[in-house]
Structures are given as C-alpha cells and as structure tokens.
Protein backbone atom coordinates (compact mmCIF):
# COMPACT_ATOMS: atom_id res chain seq x y z
CA MET A 1 -11.29 -3.31 15.12
CA LEU A 2 -9.40 -0.38 13.28
CA HIS A 3 -10.06 3.18 14.34
CA PHE A 4 -10.02 6.02 12.20
CA THR A 5 -11.36 9.78 11.85
CA ASP A 6 -12.52 11.07 8.38
CA ASP A 7 -11.96 14.58 7.04
CA ARG A 8 -15.33 15.67 8.27
CA GLY A 9 -14.30 14.47 11.91
CA ALA A 10 -16.28 11.36 12.23
CA SER A 11 -15.13 8.38 13.70
CA VAL A 12 -14.80 5.29 11.45
CA GLU A 13 -14.49 1.81 12.67
CA LEU A 14 -13.44 -0.94 10.11
CA GLU A 15 -13.38 -4.86 11.01
CA PRO A 16 -12.54 -5.94 7.70
CA ASP A 17 -13.87 -9.42 5.90
CA ALA A 18 -11.40 -8.63 3.14
CA PHE A 19 -7.86 -7.39 2.65
CA THR A 20 -5.97 -7.14 -0.44
CA ILE A 21 -3.06 -6.00 -2.29
CA ALA A 22 -3.05 -5.13 -5.71
CA GLY A 23 0.34 -5.50 -7.47
CA TYR A 24 1.95 -4.55 -10.68
CA THR A 25 -0.50 -1.82 -10.94
CA GLY A 26 1.32 0.65 -13.10
CA ARG A 27 -0.58 2.27 -16.07
CA ASP A 28 2.31 2.07 -18.39
CA ARG A 29 2.13 -1.61 -19.63
CA ALA A 30 5.51 -1.73 -21.03
CA MET A 31 7.08 -0.23 -17.89
CA VAL A 32 5.26 -2.92 -15.87
CA GLN A 33 6.84 -5.64 -17.79
CA LYS A 34 10.21 -4.14 -17.71
CA HIS A 35 9.74 -4.15 -14.37
CA ILE A 36 8.62 -7.95 -14.20
CA ASP A 37 11.81 -8.82 -16.26
CA GLU A 38 14.14 -6.97 -13.92
CA LEU A 39 12.82 -8.99 -11.06
CA ALA A 40 12.99 -12.00 -13.08
CA ARG A 41 16.89 -11.64 -13.43
CA GLU A 42 16.79 -11.10 -9.75
CA GLY A 43 15.34 -14.56 -9.16
CA ILE A 44 11.56 -13.49 -8.33
CA ALA A 45 9.01 -15.22 -10.77
CA PRO A 46 6.72 -13.50 -12.54
CA PRO A 47 3.00 -13.00 -11.54
CA PRO A 48 0.61 -15.32 -13.28
CA GLU A 49 -1.68 -12.22 -14.02
CA VAL A 50 -1.60 -8.39 -14.33
CA PRO A 51 -2.21 -7.08 -12.03
CA MET A 52 -1.89 -9.51 -9.03
CA TRP A 53 -4.28 -9.60 -6.15
CA TYR A 54 -2.71 -10.94 -2.99
CA GLU A 55 -5.21 -11.94 -0.36
CA MET A 56 -3.93 -10.90 2.87
CA PRO A 57 -4.28 -11.69 6.64
CA LEU A 58 -7.14 -9.36 8.28
CA GLY A 59 -4.54 -9.14 11.53
CA ILE A 60 -1.33 -7.85 9.92
CA LEU A 61 -3.45 -4.41 9.27
CA THR A 62 -2.52 -1.69 11.48
CA THR A 63 -2.60 1.83 12.69
CA ALA A 64 -0.10 1.47 15.30
CA ASP A 65 3.00 3.94 14.96
CA HIS A 66 5.66 1.11 15.85
CA ILE A 67 5.80 -2.04 13.95
CA GLU A 68 8.29 -5.41 14.26
CA ALA A 69 9.05 -7.49 10.96
CA PRO A 70 10.77 -10.71 11.11
CA THR A 71 14.07 -9.36 9.13
CA THR A 72 16.52 -7.11 9.07
CA GLN A 73 15.78 -6.52 5.16
CA SER A 74 11.98 -4.73 5.11
CA CYS A 75 11.16 -1.73 4.01
CA GLY A 76 7.60 0.12 3.09
CA GLU A 77 6.47 1.63 0.13
CA VAL A 78 3.57 4.18 0.14
CA GLU A 79 -0.08 3.13 -1.48
CA PRO A 80 -3.32 4.67 -1.50
CA VAL A 81 -5.73 2.29 0.47
CA ILE A 82 -9.23 2.27 -0.55
CA ILE A 83 -11.40 1.55 2.65
CA GLY A 84 -14.88 0.01 2.18
CA ILE A 85 -17.62 -0.07 4.87
CA GLY A 86 -21.42 -1.00 3.72
CA ASP A 87 -21.90 1.58 1.12
CA ALA A 88 -19.50 4.17 2.12
CA LEU A 89 -16.12 4.41 0.49
CA TYR A 90 -12.69 6.18 1.80
CA LEU A 91 -9.44 6.89 0.65
CA GLY A 92 -6.44 6.39 3.09
CA ILE A 93 -2.69 5.84 3.04
CA GLY A 94 -0.72 2.58 3.70
CA SER A 95 2.31 1.07 3.44
CA ASP A 96 3.07 -2.27 1.93
CA HIS A 97 5.58 -3.09 4.25
CA THR A 98 7.49 -6.23 2.88
CA ALA A 99 10.50 -8.80 3.78
CA ARG A 100 12.64 -7.99 0.67
CA ASP A 101 15.06 -11.12 1.52
CA VAL A 102 11.68 -13.28 1.14
CA GLU A 103 10.57 -12.15 -2.13
CA ARG A 104 12.78 -14.52 -4.22
CA GLU A 105 11.01 -17.42 -2.35
CA ASP A 106 7.49 -16.28 -2.31
CA ILE A 107 6.11 -12.37 -3.34
CA LYS A 108 2.84 -12.93 -1.07
CA LYS A 109 4.40 -14.39 1.85
CA SER A 110 7.04 -11.72 1.71
CA LYS A 111 4.03 -9.49 2.29
CA ALA A 112 2.12 -11.42 4.79
CA VAL A 113 4.78 -11.92 7.45
CA CYS A 114 5.21 -7.81 7.91
CA PRO A 115 2.34 -5.72 9.34
CA LYS A 116 0.80 -3.30 7.01
CA PRO A 117 0.54 0.12 8.57
CA ILE A 118 -2.25 2.61 7.23
CA GLY A 119 -2.66 6.03 8.34
CA SER A 120 -5.59 7.21 11.10
CA MET A 121 -7.05 9.59 8.88
CA LEU A 122 -9.53 8.96 6.07
CA VAL A 123 -11.19 11.18 3.10
CA ARG A 124 -14.79 10.07 2.40
CA VAL A 125 -15.25 9.63 -1.65
CA ASP A 126 -18.53 9.40 -3.50
CA ALA A 127 -16.53 8.05 -6.67
CA PHE A 128 -12.99 7.84 -7.72
CA GLY A 129 -12.89 9.94 -10.86
CA SER A 130 -9.88 11.05 -12.81
CA ALA A 131 -9.06 14.07 -10.44
CA PHE A 132 -7.39 11.48 -8.34
CA ASP A 133 -4.70 11.05 -10.63
CA ALA A 134 -3.30 14.29 -9.61
CA ILE A 135 -2.50 13.13 -6.37
CA THR A 136 1.11 12.86 -5.46
CA LEU A 137 2.65 9.91 -3.40
CA GLU A 138 5.72 10.27 -1.54
CA SER A 139 7.81 8.61 1.10
CA TRP A 140 10.68 8.83 3.15
CA ILE A 141 13.27 6.30 4.70
CA ASP A 142 15.10 7.93 7.76
CA GLY A 143 14.23 11.00 6.52
CA GLU A 144 15.94 10.71 3.09
CA ALA A 145 13.55 10.86 0.14
CA TYR A 146 12.63 7.39 -1.50
CA GLN A 147 9.94 7.80 -3.45
CA SER A 148 7.82 10.22 -5.57
CA GLY A 149 5.19 10.05 -8.11
CA THR A 150 1.59 10.64 -8.94
CA ALA A 151 -1.67 8.52 -8.91
CA ALA A 152 -1.39 8.91 -12.89
CA GLN A 153 1.47 6.35 -12.97
CA LEU A 154 -1.08 3.89 -11.57
CA ILE A 155 -4.18 1.94 -12.80
CA PRO A 156 -7.30 4.36 -12.21
CA LEU A 157 -8.41 3.77 -8.73
CA ALA A 158 -11.87 3.10 -10.07
CA THR A 159 -10.38 0.58 -12.06
CA THR A 160 -8.50 -1.44 -9.37
CA LEU A 161 -11.74 -0.84 -7.22
CA ALA A 162 -13.90 -2.51 -9.80
CA GLY A 163 -11.12 -5.26 -10.58
CA PHE A 164 -11.38 -6.24 -6.75
CA ARG A 165 -15.18 -6.16 -6.64
CA GLU A 166 -15.12 -8.86 -9.56
CA ARG A 167 -13.36 -11.10 -7.45
CA LYS A 168 -14.17 -10.49 -3.69
CA SER A 169 -17.81 -9.84 -2.18
CA ALA A 170 -17.17 -8.20 1.03
CA ARG A 171 -19.30 -5.58 3.20
CA ALA A 172 -15.87 -4.35 4.64
CA PHE A 173 -12.59 -4.15 3.14
CA ALA A 174 -9.15 -2.67 2.55
CA LEU A 175 -7.66 -2.51 -0.88
CA PHE A 176 -3.99 -1.53 -1.34
CA CYS A 177 -3.75 0.07 -4.80
CA GLY A 178 -0.17 -0.01 -5.89
CA THR A 179 2.92 2.42 -5.56
CA VAL A 180 5.27 4.62 -7.21
CA PRO A 181 8.88 4.05 -8.38
CA LEU A 182 11.87 4.32 -5.85
CA LEU A 183 14.17 7.46 -6.31
CA THR A 184 16.97 4.82 -5.39
CA HIS A 185 18.68 2.31 -7.19
CA GLY A 186 17.40 -0.42 -4.80
CA PHE A 187 15.79 -0.77 -1.54
CA ARG A 188 16.27 1.08 1.45
CA PHE A 189 16.52 -0.31 4.94
CA GLY A 190 15.92 2.07 8.03
CA ALA A 191 14.25 2.65 11.26
CA LYS A 192 11.67 5.19 10.05
CA PHE A 193 9.12 5.28 7.33
CA SER A 194 7.28 8.37 6.49
CA ALA A 195 4.87 8.86 3.70
CA ARG A 196 2.16 11.39 2.41
CA LEU A 197 -0.83 11.59 -0.41
CA SER A 198 -1.53 15.38 -1.36
CA GLY A 199 -3.01 17.19 -4.13
CA GLY A 200 -5.61 16.72 -6.33
CA PRO A 201 -8.95 16.59 -4.76
CA LEU A 202 -7.37 16.30 -0.97
CA ALA A 203 -8.14 19.33 0.91
CA LYS A 204 -5.28 18.51 3.43
CA PRO A 205 -2.52 15.69 3.03
CA LEU A 206 -2.68 11.94 4.35
CA LEU A 207 0.20 11.38 6.35
CA LEU A 208 1.77 8.03 7.72
CA ASP A 209 4.87 7.77 10.16
CA TYR A 210 5.83 4.71 11.74
CA THR A 211 9.11 2.85 13.11
CA CYS A 212 10.10 -0.30 12.50
CA GLU A 213 12.05 -2.86 14.73
CA SER A 214 13.37 -6.33 13.46
CA THR A 215 13.00 -9.37 15.65
CA HIS A 216 15.21 -11.41 13.67
CA GLY A 217 18.01 -13.32 16.13
CA LYS A 218 15.75 -12.41 19.23
CA THR A 219 14.39 -15.01 21.49
C-alpha cells in the first residue's frame, strides 16, 4: 500500500493492480525516430510500437526517500505520473530509475530491476486538458541540472491515459507518462536525484527527492 497526500490535504491510499511505463512518448514523432535511431547505434533494439507500453512489477513502486539499485550505472528521469483510484484521477511526480548498463540487453528488464520512486504529494484532476502542456519538468543529479522541458514535448496526458485504458482495465493504477530530454550529452550517475513539476494548472510544485545506493558487489 502506498500512502500520499493530495492538494486538498486528504490522505490517499493506492494499492495498484496495474503499473505501466509509457515510453517513446515524445509529441514530435521525427524527434522520437531520431532518438530510436541513436539508440540503435548504441545496440539498443527499436521498440515494436510507438508509444511503447512497459508493464512493470507492482512492488517496485515506492515513496521511500532512499532506494537501492543492482548496478553502479543507474539513474532517474523525471516523469508526470497519472494515478487512478476508482473514478478519481491524480497527477503526481515520479522517476523512471533505470539500470543503464542493462538497456542494451533488455529495456523492460533495465526498468524492472530498479525501484520507481514517486513523490508523496498528488494533485486531484478532473480531466487532463491542454493546460497541462504548460507544466515544466526539471531534474537534478547531485545538485547539477540534468533535465528541463515542458509537458508540451510529450504526447498529451489525456492521450496517454486513453492509450493505457485501451490496453488495461484497472481500478487502481500508476501510469508513468514519459520524460523530457537531457541537458547533458549522456547519462549521469550520482547519489541524489531531485525533480520538480511546476507551472500550468499546478498551484504548488510537485517535488521528488531521493538517494540511490548501488548493491553491486555487495554480499
């Protein structure tokens, strides 16, 4: 059971029966194809469909402020997260923490072997309209800027939610909706990951902070 607080101060409990990460969700399809081509040159196989839907183990979702990863080459990416509980919808912030050295072997596995942190604050949402495009997504690793962009760079959240619902019938779920480009030329590995969603219809920013420790080589 995951415990949150919403923007009205109410407690929210989530015991999900589905957890999906939507990948390759860029709104500019030419840029998405360019990214796929770049990954192919790195030995990472192209996805069979775009967007790609990765079904994840339910137990890797966490609101903990410290996680452990099985490799020294893991890092997070800021994502808007849609939480559904019955008829209620919420927006949260999450990190698709991934084992980068496993990606060449299997993208789904690289995601599934790492915990997926979610911020403890949620915003209740009636519908995901165009105003959500104005939300800014930012992240930092060890205090250095790592990502910055807006939700307008992603497929509209309403479209991603509709695509998920076409594939899954779930009364309680978490849906990671994609991320924005890096500010660096490659992945950065560090001990602390921080992220923020702000602006648009959000009265207050949604924040996420956690530390990561590698268990690689430990007995």
